[in-house]
Full PDB file with SEQRES, HELIX, SHEET, SSBOND, CRYST1, ORIGX, SCALE, CONECT and MASTER records, all heavy atoms in Angstrom:
SEQRES   1 A   41  ASN THR VAL TYR LEU GLN MET ASN SER LEU LYS PRO GLU          
SEQRES   2 A   41  ASP THR ALA VAL TYR TYR CYS ASN VAL GLN THR GLU ASP          
SEQRES   3 A   41  GLY PHE ARG LYS LEU THR ALA SER TRP GLY GLN GLY THR          
SEQRES   4 A   41  GLN VAL                                                      
HELIX    1 AA1 PRO A   12  ASP A   14  5                                   3    
SHEET    1 AA1 2 VAL A  17  TYR A  18  0                                        
SHEET    2 AA1 2 THR A  39  GLN A  40 -1                                        
SHEET    1 AA2 2 ASN A  21  GLU A  25  0                                        
SHEET    2 AA2 2 LEU A  31  TRP A  35 -1                                        
CRYST1    1.000    1.000    1.000  90.00  90.00  90.00 P 1           1          
ORIGX1      1.000000  0.000000  0.000000        0.00000                         
ORIGX2      0.000000  1.000000  0.000000        0.00000                         
ORIGX3      0.000000  0.000000  1.000000        0.00000                         
SCALE1      1.000000  0.000000  0.000000        0.00000                         
SCALE2      0.000000  1.000000  0.000000        0.00000                         
SCALE3      0.000000  0.000000  1.000000        0.00000                         
ATOM      1  N   ASN A   1       8.976   7.546 -15.117  1.00  0.00           N  
ATOM      2  CA  ASN A   1       8.563   7.889 -13.753  1.00  0.00           C  
ATOM      3  C   ASN A   1       8.242   6.630 -12.949  1.00  0.00           C  
ATOM      4  O   ASN A   1       7.260   6.577 -12.202  1.00  0.00           O  
ATOM      5  CB  ASN A   1       7.350   8.822 -13.766  1.00  0.00           C  
ATOM      6  CG  ASN A   1       7.683  10.214 -14.255  1.00  0.00           C  
ATOM      7  OD1 ASN A   1       8.852  10.598 -14.335  1.00  0.00           O  
ATOM      8  ND2 ASN A   1       6.655  10.987 -14.583  1.00  0.00           N  
ATOM      9  N   THR A   2       9.084   5.652 -13.098  1.00  0.00           N  
ATOM     10  CA  THR A   2       8.836   4.355 -12.494  1.00  0.00           C  
ATOM     11  C   THR A   2      10.020   3.915 -11.639  1.00  0.00           C  
ATOM     12  O   THR A   2      11.175   4.118 -12.014  1.00  0.00           O  
ATOM     13  CB  THR A   2       8.561   3.299 -13.569  1.00  0.00           C  
ATOM     14  OG1 THR A   2       7.378   3.661 -14.292  1.00  0.00           O  
ATOM     15  CG2 THR A   2       8.346   1.925 -12.956  1.00  0.00           C  
ATOM     16  N   VAL A   3       9.709   3.328 -10.503  1.00  0.00           N  
ATOM     17  CA  VAL A   3      10.719   2.751  -9.632  1.00  0.00           C  
ATOM     18  C   VAL A   3      10.369   1.287  -9.411  1.00  0.00           C  
ATOM     19  O   VAL A   3       9.190   0.920  -9.330  1.00  0.00           O  
ATOM     20  CB  VAL A   3      10.821   3.515  -8.294  1.00  0.00           C  
ATOM     21  CG1 VAL A   3       9.513   3.446  -7.512  1.00  0.00           C  
ATOM     22  CG2 VAL A   3      11.979   2.989  -7.461  1.00  0.00           C  
ATOM     23  N   TYR A   4      11.391   0.456  -9.320  1.00  0.00           N  
ATOM     24  CA  TYR A   4      11.207  -0.962  -9.149  1.00  0.00           C  
ATOM     25  C   TYR A   4      11.899  -1.428  -7.873  1.00  0.00           C  
ATOM     26  O   TYR A   4      12.870  -0.831  -7.414  1.00  0.00           O  
ATOM     27  CB  TYR A   4      11.805  -1.743 -10.328  1.00  0.00           C  
ATOM     28  CG  TYR A   4      11.314  -1.295 -11.677  1.00  0.00           C  
ATOM     29  CD1 TYR A   4      12.029  -0.352 -12.415  1.00  0.00           C  
ATOM     30  CD2 TYR A   4      10.143  -1.812 -12.220  1.00  0.00           C  
ATOM     31  CE1 TYR A   4      11.588   0.062 -13.657  1.00  0.00           C  
ATOM     32  CE2 TYR A   4       9.694  -1.401 -13.466  1.00  0.00           C  
ATOM     33  CZ  TYR A   4      10.420  -0.464 -14.183  1.00  0.00           C  
ATOM     34  OH  TYR A   4       9.971  -0.063 -15.420  1.00  0.00           O  
ATOM     35  N   LEU A   5      11.399  -2.500  -7.333  1.00  0.00           N  
ATOM     36  CA  LEU A   5      12.057  -3.153  -6.225  1.00  0.00           C  
ATOM     37  C   LEU A   5      12.101  -4.645  -6.516  1.00  0.00           C  
ATOM     38  O   LEU A   5      11.070  -5.321  -6.466  1.00  0.00           O  
ATOM     39  CB  LEU A   5      11.333  -2.896  -4.898  1.00  0.00           C  
ATOM     40  CG  LEU A   5      12.031  -3.441  -3.653  1.00  0.00           C  
ATOM     41  CD1 LEU A   5      13.346  -2.698  -3.410  1.00  0.00           C  
ATOM     42  CD2 LEU A   5      11.133  -3.340  -2.425  1.00  0.00           C  
ATOM     43  N   GLN A   6      13.280  -5.120  -6.850  1.00  0.00           N  
ATOM     44  CA  GLN A   6      13.481  -6.537  -7.065  1.00  0.00           C  
ATOM     45  C   GLN A   6      13.790  -7.179  -5.727  1.00  0.00           C  
ATOM     46  O   GLN A   6      14.777  -6.820  -5.080  1.00  0.00           O  
ATOM     47  CB  GLN A   6      14.631  -6.781  -8.046  1.00  0.00           C  
ATOM     48  CG  GLN A   6      14.946  -8.245  -8.300  1.00  0.00           C  
ATOM     49  CD  GLN A   6      13.831  -8.970  -9.018  1.00  0.00           C  
ATOM     50  OE1 GLN A   6      13.279  -8.456  -9.981  1.00  0.00           O  
ATOM     51  NE2 GLN A   6      13.477 -10.156  -8.527  1.00  0.00           N  
ATOM     52  N   MET A   7      12.962  -8.106  -5.315  1.00  0.00           N  
ATOM     53  CA  MET A   7      13.100  -8.739  -4.020  1.00  0.00           C  
ATOM     54  C   MET A   7      13.410 -10.215  -4.220  1.00  0.00           C  
ATOM     55  O   MET A   7      12.568 -10.976  -4.707  1.00  0.00           O  
ATOM     56  CB  MET A   7      11.829  -8.570  -3.192  1.00  0.00           C  
ATOM     57  CG  MET A   7      11.410  -7.120  -2.997  1.00  0.00           C  
ATOM     58  SD  MET A   7       9.978  -6.937  -1.902  1.00  0.00           S  
ATOM     59  CE  MET A   7       8.720  -7.725  -2.904  1.00  0.00           C  
ATOM     60  N   ASN A   8      14.607 -10.599  -3.856  1.00  0.00           N  
ATOM     61  CA  ASN A   8      15.043 -11.981  -3.966  1.00  0.00           C  
ATOM     62  C   ASN A   8      15.202 -12.596  -2.579  1.00  0.00           C  
ATOM     63  O   ASN A   8      15.316 -11.897  -1.581  1.00  0.00           O  
ATOM     64  CB  ASN A   8      16.368 -12.069  -4.722  1.00  0.00           C  
ATOM     65  CG  ASN A   8      16.286 -11.567  -6.139  1.00  0.00           C  
ATOM     66  OD1 ASN A   8      15.259 -11.705  -6.802  1.00  0.00           O  
ATOM     67  ND2 ASN A   8      17.384 -10.990  -6.629  1.00  0.00           N  
ATOM     68  N   SER A   9      15.223 -13.900  -2.558  1.00  0.00           N  
ATOM     69  CA  SER A   9      15.419 -14.633  -1.307  1.00  0.00           C  
ATOM     70  C   SER A   9      14.489 -14.140  -0.212  1.00  0.00           C  
ATOM     71  O   SER A   9      14.906 -13.863   0.918  1.00  0.00           O  
ATOM     72  CB  SER A   9      16.885 -14.526  -0.856  1.00  0.00           C  
ATOM     73  OG  SER A   9      17.764 -15.037  -1.838  1.00  0.00           O  
ATOM     74  N   LEU A  10      13.246 -14.028  -0.543  1.00  0.00           N  
ATOM     75  CA  LEU A  10      12.278 -13.474   0.395  1.00  0.00           C  
ATOM     76  C   LEU A  10      12.130 -14.347   1.639  1.00  0.00           C  
ATOM     77  O   LEU A  10      12.209 -15.576   1.572  1.00  0.00           O  
ATOM     78  CB  LEU A  10      10.925 -13.305  -0.293  1.00  0.00           C  
ATOM     79  CG  LEU A  10      10.839 -12.079  -1.206  1.00  0.00           C  
ATOM     80  CD1 LEU A  10       9.679 -12.205  -2.172  1.00  0.00           C  
ATOM     81  CD2 LEU A  10      10.699 -10.811  -0.373  1.00  0.00           C  
ATOM     82  N   LYS A  11      11.925 -13.674   2.744  1.00  0.00           N  
ATOM     83  CA  LYS A  11      11.777 -14.313   4.035  1.00  0.00           C  
ATOM     84  C   LYS A  11      10.411 -13.976   4.619  1.00  0.00           C  
ATOM     85  O   LYS A  11       9.817 -12.957   4.271  1.00  0.00           O  
ATOM     86  CB  LYS A  11      12.869 -13.828   4.996  1.00  0.00           C  
ATOM     87  CG  LYS A  11      14.288 -14.039   4.507  1.00  0.00           C  
ATOM     88  CD  LYS A  11      15.288 -13.431   5.484  1.00  0.00           C  
ATOM     89  CE  LYS A  11      16.714 -13.636   5.008  1.00  0.00           C  
ATOM     90  NZ  LYS A  11      17.692 -13.037   5.947  1.00  0.00           N  
ATOM     91  N   PRO A  12       9.920 -14.798   5.525  1.00  0.00           N  
ATOM     92  CA  PRO A  12       8.646 -14.478   6.165  1.00  0.00           C  
ATOM     93  C   PRO A  12       8.643 -13.100   6.823  1.00  0.00           C  
ATOM     94  O   PRO A  12       7.597 -12.440   6.861  1.00  0.00           O  
ATOM     95  CB  PRO A  12       8.499 -15.592   7.206  1.00  0.00           C  
ATOM     96  CG  PRO A  12       9.222 -16.746   6.608  1.00  0.00           C  
ATOM     97  CD  PRO A  12      10.407 -16.133   5.904  1.00  0.00           C  
ATOM     98  N   GLU A  13       9.793 -12.673   7.311  1.00  0.00           N  
ATOM     99  CA  GLU A  13       9.903 -11.370   7.940  1.00  0.00           C  
ATOM    100  C   GLU A  13       9.683 -10.219   6.964  1.00  0.00           C  
ATOM    101  O   GLU A  13       9.492  -9.074   7.392  1.00  0.00           O  
ATOM    102  CB  GLU A  13      11.275 -11.199   8.602  1.00  0.00           C  
ATOM    103  CG  GLU A  13      11.642 -12.317   9.559  1.00  0.00           C  
ATOM    104  CD  GLU A  13      12.399 -13.430   8.872  1.00  0.00           C  
ATOM    105  OE1 GLU A  13      13.637 -13.332   8.756  1.00  0.00           O  
ATOM    106  OE2 GLU A  13      11.746 -14.411   8.449  1.00  0.00           O  
ATOM    107  N   ASP A  14       9.720 -10.507   5.673  1.00  0.00           N  
ATOM    108  CA  ASP A  14       9.473  -9.483   4.669  1.00  0.00           C  
ATOM    109  C   ASP A  14       7.985  -9.243   4.440  1.00  0.00           C  
ATOM    110  O   ASP A  14       7.615  -8.330   3.694  1.00  0.00           O  
ATOM    111  CB  ASP A  14      10.132  -9.862   3.341  1.00  0.00           C  
ATOM    112  CG  ASP A  14      11.638  -9.955   3.440  1.00  0.00           C  
ATOM    113  OD1 ASP A  14      12.257  -9.073   4.081  1.00  0.00           O  
ATOM    114  OD2 ASP A  14      12.209 -10.906   2.863  1.00  0.00           O  
ATOM    115  N   THR A  15       7.159 -10.055   5.035  1.00  0.00           N  
ATOM    116  CA  THR A  15       5.719  -9.911   4.868  1.00  0.00           C  
ATOM    117  C   THR A  15       5.249  -8.557   5.383  1.00  0.00           C  
ATOM    118  O   THR A  15       5.493  -8.195   6.531  1.00  0.00           O  
ATOM    119  CB  THR A  15       4.974 -11.028   5.603  1.00  0.00           C  
ATOM    120  OG1 THR A  15       5.307 -12.288   5.022  1.00  0.00           O  
ATOM    121  CG2 THR A  15       3.463 -10.825   5.508  1.00  0.00           C  
ATOM    122  N   ALA A  16       4.590  -7.820   4.523  1.00  0.00           N  
ATOM    123  CA  ALA A  16       4.129  -6.483   4.864  1.00  0.00           C  
ATOM    124  C   ALA A  16       3.373  -5.907   3.681  1.00  0.00           C  
ATOM    125  O   ALA A  16       3.381  -6.470   2.585  1.00  0.00           O  
ATOM    126  CB  ALA A  16       5.308  -5.569   5.211  1.00  0.00           C  
ATOM    127  N   VAL A  17       2.742  -4.793   3.928  1.00  0.00           N  
ATOM    128  CA  VAL A  17       2.218  -3.995   2.836  1.00  0.00           C  
ATOM    129  C   VAL A  17       3.337  -3.059   2.403  1.00  0.00           C  
ATOM    130  O   VAL A  17       3.907  -2.339   3.222  1.00  0.00           O  
ATOM    131  CB  VAL A  17       0.975  -3.189   3.239  1.00  0.00           C  
ATOM    132  CG1 VAL A  17       0.509  -2.315   2.082  1.00  0.00           C  
ATOM    133  CG2 VAL A  17      -0.141  -4.122   3.680  1.00  0.00           C  
ATOM    134  N   TYR A  18       3.655  -3.091   1.141  1.00  0.00           N  
ATOM    135  CA  TYR A  18       4.730  -2.272   0.604  1.00  0.00           C  
ATOM    136  C   TYR A  18       4.143  -1.047  -0.075  1.00  0.00           C  
ATOM    137  O   TYR A  18       3.262  -1.160  -0.935  1.00  0.00           O  
ATOM    138  CB  TYR A  18       5.583  -3.078  -0.380  1.00  0.00           C  
ATOM    139  CG  TYR A  18       6.521  -4.029   0.312  1.00  0.00           C  
ATOM    140  CD1 TYR A  18       6.042  -5.150   0.969  1.00  0.00           C  
ATOM    141  CD2 TYR A  18       7.901  -3.792   0.327  1.00  0.00           C  
ATOM    142  CE1 TYR A  18       6.900  -6.016   1.633  1.00  0.00           C  
ATOM    143  CE2 TYR A  18       8.760  -4.654   0.975  1.00  0.00           C  
ATOM    144  CZ  TYR A  18       8.259  -5.756   1.622  1.00  0.00           C  
ATOM    145  OH  TYR A  18       9.128  -6.612   2.272  1.00  0.00           O  
ATOM    146  N   TYR A  19       4.648   0.097   0.326  1.00  0.00           N  
ATOM    147  CA  TYR A  19       4.169   1.364  -0.191  1.00  0.00           C  
ATOM    148  C   TYR A  19       5.264   2.073  -0.972  1.00  0.00           C  
ATOM    149  O   TYR A  19       6.418   2.113  -0.546  1.00  0.00           O  
ATOM    150  CB  TYR A  19       3.726   2.282   0.943  1.00  0.00           C  
ATOM    151  CG  TYR A  19       2.570   1.768   1.762  1.00  0.00           C  
ATOM    152  CD1 TYR A  19       2.779   0.994   2.898  1.00  0.00           C  
ATOM    153  CD2 TYR A  19       1.259   2.065   1.397  1.00  0.00           C  
ATOM    154  CE1 TYR A  19       1.726   0.529   3.659  1.00  0.00           C  
ATOM    155  CE2 TYR A  19       0.196   1.604   2.156  1.00  0.00           C  
ATOM    156  CZ  TYR A  19       0.432   0.837   3.284  1.00  0.00           C  
ATOM    157  OH  TYR A  19      -0.618   0.385   4.038  1.00  0.00           O  
ATOM    158  N   CYS A  20       4.874   2.644  -2.056  1.00  0.00           N  
ATOM    159  CA  CYS A  20       5.780   3.454  -2.851  1.00  0.00           C  
ATOM    160  C   CYS A  20       5.616   4.910  -2.456  1.00  0.00           C  
ATOM    161  O   CYS A  20       4.493   5.397  -2.310  1.00  0.00           O  
ATOM    162  CB  CYS A  20       5.486   3.269  -4.338  1.00  0.00           C  
ATOM    163  SG  CYS A  20       6.534   4.234  -5.446  1.00  0.00           S  
ATOM    164  N   ASN A  21       6.719   5.580  -2.269  1.00  0.00           N  
ATOM    165  CA  ASN A  21       6.709   7.001  -1.954  1.00  0.00           C  
ATOM    166  C   ASN A  21       7.513   7.750  -2.990  1.00  0.00           C  
ATOM    167  O   ASN A  21       8.634   7.362  -3.319  1.00  0.00           O  
ATOM    168  CB  ASN A  21       7.274   7.243  -0.556  1.00  0.00           C  
ATOM    169  CG  ASN A  21       7.292   8.716  -0.187  1.00  0.00           C  
ATOM    170  OD1 ASN A  21       8.303   9.395  -0.343  1.00  0.00           O  
ATOM    171  ND2 ASN A  21       6.154   9.212   0.295  1.00  0.00           N  
ATOM    172  N   VAL A  22       6.940   8.812  -3.492  1.00  0.00           N  
ATOM    173  CA  VAL A  22       7.586   9.602  -4.525  1.00  0.00           C  
ATOM    174  C   VAL A  22       7.670  11.043  -4.061  1.00  0.00           C  
ATOM    175  O   VAL A  22       6.646  11.655  -3.748  1.00  0.00           O  
ATOM    176  CB  VAL A  22       6.819   9.525  -5.859  1.00  0.00           C  
ATOM    177  CG1 VAL A  22       7.530  10.352  -6.922  1.00  0.00           C  
ATOM    178  CG2 VAL A  22       6.686   8.078  -6.315  1.00  0.00           C  
ATOM    179  N   GLN A  23       8.874  11.548  -4.002  1.00  0.00           N  
ATOM    180  CA  GLN A  23       9.082  12.936  -3.623  1.00  0.00           C  
ATOM    181  C   GLN A  23       9.129  13.771  -4.896  1.00  0.00           C  
ATOM    182  O   GLN A  23      10.032  13.599  -5.722  1.00  0.00           O  
ATOM    183  CB  GLN A  23      10.374  13.099  -2.832  1.00  0.00           C  
ATOM    184  CG  GLN A  23      10.594  14.493  -2.292  1.00  0.00           C  
ATOM    185  CD  GLN A  23      11.942  14.640  -1.623  1.00  0.00           C  
ATOM    186  OE1 GLN A  23      12.972  14.356  -2.229  1.00  0.00           O  
ATOM    187  NE2 GLN A  23      11.938  15.069  -0.369  1.00  0.00           N  
ATOM    188  N   THR A  24       8.164  14.652  -5.028  1.00  0.00           N  
ATOM    189  CA  THR A  24       8.053  15.456  -6.236  1.00  0.00           C  
ATOM    190  C   THR A  24       8.158  16.936  -5.914  1.00  0.00           C  
ATOM    191  O   THR A  24       7.906  17.375  -4.794  1.00  0.00           O  
ATOM    192  CB  THR A  24       6.730  15.202  -6.968  1.00  0.00           C  
ATOM    193  OG1 THR A  24       5.627  15.500  -6.101  1.00  0.00           O  
ATOM    194  CG2 THR A  24       6.633  13.753  -7.419  1.00  0.00           C  
ATOM    195  N   GLU A  25       8.523  17.670  -6.910  1.00  0.00           N  
ATOM    196  CA  GLU A  25       8.556  19.122  -6.822  1.00  0.00           C  
ATOM    197  C   GLU A  25       7.480  19.673  -7.740  1.00  0.00           C  
ATOM    198  O   GLU A  25       7.398  19.289  -8.912  1.00  0.00           O  
ATOM    199  CB  GLU A  25       9.925  19.654  -7.226  1.00  0.00           C  
ATOM    200  CG  GLU A  25      10.058  21.164  -7.128  1.00  0.00           C  
ATOM    201  CD  GLU A  25      11.413  21.665  -7.583  1.00  0.00           C  
ATOM    202  OE1 GLU A  25      12.221  20.846  -8.056  1.00  0.00           O  
ATOM    203  OE2 GLU A  25      11.668  22.876  -7.466  1.00  0.00           O  
ATOM    204  N   ASP A  26       6.661  20.570  -7.202  1.00  0.00           N  
ATOM    205  CA  ASP A  26       5.625  21.169  -8.018  1.00  0.00           C  
ATOM    206  C   ASP A  26       6.150  22.437  -8.679  1.00  0.00           C  
ATOM    207  O   ASP A  26       7.316  22.782  -8.582  1.00  0.00           O  
ATOM    208  CB  ASP A  26       4.361  21.438  -7.186  1.00  0.00           C  
ATOM    209  CG  ASP A  26       4.569  22.455  -6.076  1.00  0.00           C  
ATOM    210  OD1 ASP A  26       5.598  23.162  -6.074  1.00  0.00           O  
ATOM    211  OD2 ASP A  26       3.697  22.542  -5.187  1.00  0.00           O  
ATOM    212  N   GLY A  27       5.246  23.138  -9.346  1.00  0.00           N  
ATOM    213  CA  GLY A  27       5.635  24.349 -10.051  1.00  0.00           C  
ATOM    214  C   GLY A  27       6.061  25.482  -9.152  1.00  0.00           C  
ATOM    215  O   GLY A  27       6.655  26.456  -9.627  1.00  0.00           O  
ATOM    216  N   PHE A  28       5.749  25.366  -7.857  1.00  0.00           N  
ATOM    217  CA  PHE A  28       6.145  26.392  -6.887  1.00  0.00           C  
ATOM    218  C   PHE A  28       7.342  25.941  -6.053  1.00  0.00           C  
ATOM    219  O   PHE A  28       7.616  26.511  -4.998  1.00  0.00           O  
ATOM    220  CB  PHE A  28       4.968  26.731  -5.969  1.00  0.00           C  
ATOM    221  CG  PHE A  28       3.801  27.322  -6.703  1.00  0.00           C  
ATOM    222  CD1 PHE A  28       2.741  26.524  -7.116  1.00  0.00           C  
ATOM    223  CD2 PHE A  28       3.764  28.669  -6.987  1.00  0.00           C  
ATOM    224  CE1 PHE A  28       1.671  27.064  -7.802  1.00  0.00           C  
ATOM    225  CE2 PHE A  28       2.698  29.227  -7.673  1.00  0.00           C  
ATOM    226  CZ  PHE A  28       1.644  28.417  -8.081  1.00  0.00           C  
ATOM    227  N   ARG A  29       8.025  24.937  -6.522  1.00  0.00           N  
ATOM    228  CA  ARG A  29       9.240  24.418  -5.906  1.00  0.00           C  
ATOM    229  C   ARG A  29       9.001  23.868  -4.505  1.00  0.00           C  
ATOM    230  O   ARG A  29       9.890  23.919  -3.652  1.00  0.00           O  
ATOM    231  CB  ARG A  29      10.328  25.494  -5.887  1.00  0.00           C  
ATOM    232  CG  ARG A  29      10.688  25.988  -7.285  1.00  0.00           C  
ATOM    233  CD  ARG A  29      11.730  27.085  -7.265  1.00  0.00           C  
ATOM    234  NE  ARG A  29      12.014  27.560  -8.608  1.00  0.00           N  
ATOM    235  CZ  ARG A  29      12.850  28.541  -8.900  1.00  0.00           C  
ATOM    236  NH1 ARG A  29      13.523  29.156  -7.917  1.00  0.00           N  
ATOM    237  NH2 ARG A  29      13.041  28.910 -10.153  1.00  0.00           N  
ATOM    238  N   LYS A  30       7.831  23.348  -4.298  1.00  0.00           N  
ATOM    239  CA  LYS A  30       7.507  22.709  -3.038  1.00  0.00           C  
ATOM    240  C   LYS A  30       7.672  21.198  -3.164  1.00  0.00           C  
ATOM    241  O   LYS A  30       7.146  20.580  -4.094  1.00  0.00           O  
ATOM    242  CB  LYS A  30       6.075  23.033  -2.619  1.00  0.00           C  
ATOM    243  CG  LYS A  30       5.645  22.365  -1.329  1.00  0.00           C  
ATOM    244  CD  LYS A  30       4.194  22.679  -1.003  1.00  0.00           C  
ATOM    245  CE  LYS A  30       3.740  21.984   0.258  1.00  0.00           C  
ATOM    246  NZ  LYS A  30       2.321  22.267   0.560  1.00  0.00           N  
ATOM    247  N   LEU A  31       8.386  20.623  -2.230  1.00  0.00           N  
ATOM    248  CA  LEU A  31       8.581  19.188  -2.210  1.00  0.00           C  
ATOM    249  C   LEU A  31       7.417  18.517  -1.501  1.00  0.00           C  
ATOM    250  O   LEU A  31       7.052  18.902  -0.390  1.00  0.00           O  
ATOM    251  CB  LEU A  31       9.889  18.825  -1.526  1.00  0.00           C  
ATOM    252  CG  LEU A  31      11.173  19.299  -2.213  1.00  0.00           C  
ATOM    253  CD1 LEU A  31      12.384  18.932  -1.378  1.00  0.00           C  
ATOM    254  CD2 LEU A  31      11.291  18.697  -3.599  1.00  0.00           C  
ATOM    255  N   THR A  32       6.851  17.534  -2.143  1.00  0.00           N  
ATOM    256  CA  THR A  32       5.712  16.824  -1.602  1.00  0.00           C  
ATOM    257  C   THR A  32       5.939  15.326  -1.708  1.00  0.00           C  
ATOM    258  O   THR A  32       6.402  14.840  -2.746  1.00  0.00           O  
ATOM    259  CB  THR A  32       4.420  17.197  -2.344  1.00  0.00           C  
ATOM    260  OG1 THR A  32       4.197  18.606  -2.250  1.00  0.00           O  
ATOM    261  CG2 THR A  32       3.228  16.463  -1.747  1.00  0.00           C  
ATOM    262  N   ALA A  33       5.622  14.628  -0.650  1.00  0.00           N  
ATOM    263  CA  ALA A  33       5.707  13.173  -0.658  1.00  0.00           C  
ATOM    264  C   ALA A  33       4.342  12.592  -0.996  1.00  0.00           C  
ATOM    265  O   ALA A  33       3.353  12.878  -0.316  1.00  0.00           O  
ATOM    266  CB  ALA A  33       6.184  12.653   0.696  1.00  0.00           C  
ATOM    267  N   SER A  34       4.292  11.792  -2.030  1.00  0.00           N  
ATOM    268  CA  SER A  34       3.048  11.169  -2.466  1.00  0.00           C  
ATOM    269  C   SER A  34       3.151   9.664  -2.291  1.00  0.00           C  
ATOM    270  O   SER A  34       4.174   9.066  -2.638  1.00  0.00           O  
ATOM    271  CB  SER A  34       2.759  11.508  -3.927  1.00  0.00           C  
ATOM    272  OG  SER A  34       2.634  12.908  -4.110  1.00  0.00           O  
ATOM    273  N   TRP A  35       2.093   9.094  -1.764  1.00  0.00           N  
ATOM    274  CA  TRP A  35       2.068   7.667  -1.450  1.00  0.00           C  
ATOM    275  C   TRP A  35       1.128   6.900  -2.357  1.00  0.00           C  
ATOM    276  O   TRP A  35       0.054   7.382  -2.732  1.00  0.00           O  
ATOM    277  CB  TRP A  35       1.615   7.438  -0.008  1.00  0.00           C  
ATOM    278  CG  TRP A  35       2.544   7.963   1.031  1.00  0.00           C  
ATOM    279  CD1 TRP A  35       2.529   9.187   1.609  1.00  0.00           C  
ATOM    280  CD2 TRP A  35       3.639   7.258   1.634  1.00  0.00           C  
ATOM    281  NE1 TRP A  35       3.541   9.302   2.529  1.00  0.00           N  
ATOM    282  CE2 TRP A  35       4.233   8.129   2.559  1.00  0.00           C  
ATOM    283  CE3 TRP A  35       4.160   5.971   1.470  1.00  0.00           C  
ATOM    284  CZ2 TRP A  35       5.329   7.767   3.338  1.00  0.00           C  
ATOM    285  CZ3 TRP A  35       5.254   5.601   2.230  1.00  0.00           C  
ATOM    286  CH2 TRP A  35       5.823   6.492   3.150  1.00  0.00           C  
ATOM    287  N   GLY A  36       1.536   5.694  -2.674  1.00  0.00           N  
ATOM    288  CA  GLY A  36       0.629   4.769  -3.308  1.00  0.00           C  
ATOM    289  C   GLY A  36      -0.251   4.120  -2.261  1.00  0.00           C  
ATOM    290  O   GLY A  36      -0.084   4.330  -1.054  1.00  0.00           O  
ATOM    291  N   GLN A  37      -1.190   3.315  -2.699  1.00  0.00           N  
ATOM    292  CA  GLN A  37      -2.114   2.670  -1.776  1.00  0.00           C  
ATOM    293  C   GLN A  37      -1.576   1.374  -1.196  1.00  0.00           C  
ATOM    294  O   GLN A  37      -2.193   0.804  -0.300  1.00  0.00           O  
ATOM    295  CB  GLN A  37      -3.459   2.424  -2.474  1.00  0.00           C  
ATOM    296  CG  GLN A  37      -4.173   3.715  -2.837  1.00  0.00           C  
ATOM    297  CD  GLN A  37      -5.578   3.494  -3.356  1.00  0.00           C  
ATOM    298  OE1 GLN A  37      -6.107   2.373  -3.310  1.00  0.00           O  
ATOM    299  NE2 GLN A  37      -6.191   4.549  -3.837  1.00  0.00           N  
ATOM    300  N   GLY A  38      -0.455   0.940  -1.690  1.00  0.00           N  
ATOM    301  CA  GLY A  38       0.192  -0.229  -1.136  1.00  0.00           C  
ATOM    302  C   GLY A  38      -0.104  -1.505  -1.900  1.00  0.00           C  
ATOM    303  O   GLY A  38      -1.151  -1.646  -2.532  1.00  0.00           O  
ATOM    304  N   THR A  39       0.836  -2.416  -1.830  1.00  0.00           N  
ATOM    305  CA  THR A  39       0.656  -3.739  -2.408  1.00  0.00           C  
ATOM    306  C   THR A  39       1.126  -4.773  -1.385  1.00  0.00           C  
ATOM    307  O   THR A  39       2.186  -4.629  -0.781  1.00  0.00           O  
ATOM    308  CB  THR A  39       1.418  -3.865  -3.748  1.00  0.00           C  
ATOM    309  OG1 THR A  39       1.154  -5.138  -4.337  1.00  0.00           O  
ATOM    310  CG2 THR A  39       2.922  -3.691  -3.576  1.00  0.00           C  
ATOM    311  N   GLN A  40       0.325  -5.778  -1.193  1.00  0.00           N  
ATOM    312  CA  GLN A  40       0.593  -6.776  -0.161  1.00  0.00           C  
ATOM    313  C   GLN A  40       1.627  -7.781  -0.636  1.00  0.00           C  
ATOM    314  O   GLN A  40       1.501  -8.361  -1.719  1.00  0.00           O  
ATOM    315  CB  GLN A  40      -0.688  -7.507   0.220  1.00  0.00           C  
ATOM    316  CG  GLN A  40      -0.490  -8.628   1.247  1.00  0.00           C  
ATOM    317  CD  GLN A  40      -0.173  -8.110   2.623  1.00  0.00           C  
ATOM    318  OE1 GLN A  40      -0.859  -7.219   3.133  1.00  0.00           O  
ATOM    319  NE2 GLN A  40       0.874  -8.653   3.234  1.00  0.00           N  
ATOM    320  N   VAL A  41       2.632  -7.978   0.192  1.00  0.00           N  
ATOM    321  CA  VAL A  41       3.624  -9.028  -0.028  1.00  0.00           C  
ATOM    322  C   VAL A  41       3.536  -9.996   1.139  1.00  0.00           C  
ATOM    323  O   VAL A  41       3.716  -9.603   2.292  1.00  0.00           O  
ATOM    324  CB  VAL A  41       5.052  -8.459  -0.139  1.00  0.00           C  
ATOM    325  CG1 VAL A  41       6.083  -9.590  -0.176  1.00  0.00           C  
ATOM    326  CG2 VAL A  41       5.174  -7.584  -1.375  1.00  0.00           C  
TER     327      VAL A  41                                                      
MASTER        0    0    0    1    4    0    0    6  326    1    0    4          
END                                                                             
């Protein structure tokens, strides 16, 4: 249940808080977007 983002050749314009979003389906077949708290780049 893991997603990665390999970021090469980083530029100053890439500076931001990066958030992970996961679209999940619950037991009632409802799609929900869940967010992480972010990591600063």
